[in-house]
């Protein structure tokens, strides 16, 4: 069950990353790199959630929004 949830979070992170790249006219990395970025974001979000008690999805959104243009 937890693996399924984490996979769904990674899919959400990939969609948010793709949207962010497109919105900011940044060249999208290859799918494998995008998947790795999403995995790192989800792992970071879970770590932050454990430390601060926040919602993982909200943290993922914040992390994507913090990615610098370029």
Protein backbone atom coordinates (compact mmCIF):
# COMPACT_ATOMS: atom_id res chain seq x y z
CA UNK A 1 0.00 0.00 0.00
CA UNK A 2 2.73 2.50 0.92
CA UNK A 3 4.62 1.75 -2.29
CA UNK A 4 1.47 2.58 -4.29
CA UNK A 5 1.07 5.91 -2.47
CA UNK A 6 4.70 6.83 -3.04
CA UNK A 7 4.37 5.98 -6.74
CA UNK A 8 1.33 8.25 -6.97
CA UNK A 9 3.23 11.05 -5.23
CA UNK A 10 6.07 10.62 -7.73
CA UNK A 11 3.63 10.79 -10.65
CA UNK A 12 2.18 14.00 -9.18
CA UNK A 13 5.68 15.42 -8.75
CA UNK A 14 6.52 14.58 -12.38
CA UNK A 15 3.38 16.35 -13.61
CA UNK A 16 4.15 19.39 -11.45
CA UNK A 17 7.75 19.48 -12.64
CA UNK A 18 6.68 19.21 -16.29
CA UNK A 19 4.15 22.01 -15.76
CA UNK A 20 6.80 24.15 -14.06
CA UNK A 21 9.29 23.66 -16.89
CA UNK A 22 6.68 24.47 -19.52
CA UNK A 23 5.33 27.50 -17.64
CA UNK A 24 8.82 28.97 -17.28
CA UNK A 25 9.95 28.09 -20.83
CA UNK A 26 12.68 25.81 -19.49
CA UNK A 27 13.84 22.91 -21.64
CA UNK A 28 12.37 19.76 -20.14
CA UNK A 29 14.93 17.12 -19.17
CA UNK A 30 14.64 13.58 -20.56
CA UNK A 31 11.98 11.40 -18.88
CA UNK A 32 14.54 9.42 -16.89
CA UNK A 33 15.99 12.60 -15.37
CA UNK A 34 12.51 14.00 -14.71
CA UNK A 35 11.65 10.74 -12.90
CA UNK A 36 14.81 11.05 -10.78
CA UNK A 37 13.99 14.67 -9.90
CA UNK A 38 10.47 13.63 -8.91
CA UNK A 39 11.82 10.82 -6.74
CA UNK A 40 14.20 13.23 -4.97
CA UNK A 41 11.37 15.72 -4.44
CA UNK A 42 9.13 13.06 -2.91
CA UNK A 43 11.92 11.81 -0.66
CA UNK A 44 12.69 15.38 0.46
CA UNK A 45 8.98 16.03 1.04
CA UNK A 46 8.70 12.94 3.25
CA UNK A 47 11.76 13.98 5.24
CA UNK A 48 10.36 17.49 5.74
CA UNK A 49 6.96 16.08 6.69
CA UNK A 50 8.57 13.90 9.36
CA UNK A 51 10.49 16.88 10.75
CA UNK A 52 7.72 19.46 10.61
CA UNK A 53 4.51 17.46 10.49
CA UNK A 54 3.23 19.00 7.25
CA UNK A 55 1.30 17.44 4.37
CA UNK A 56 3.57 15.71 1.81
CA UNK A 57 1.62 16.93 -1.24
CA UNK A 58 1.80 20.54 -0.04
CA UNK A 59 5.53 20.18 0.47
CA UNK A 60 5.98 18.73 -3.02
CA UNK A 61 4.14 21.72 -4.49
CA UNK A 62 6.33 24.11 -2.49
CA UNK A 63 9.53 22.35 -3.58
CA UNK A 64 8.53 22.51 -7.25
CA UNK A 65 7.65 26.20 -6.92
CA UNK A 66 11.11 26.85 -5.44
CA UNK A 67 12.96 25.50 -8.47
CA UNK A 68 14.83 28.37 -10.06
CA UNK A 69 14.31 29.31 -13.68
CA UNK A 70 17.15 28.31 -15.97
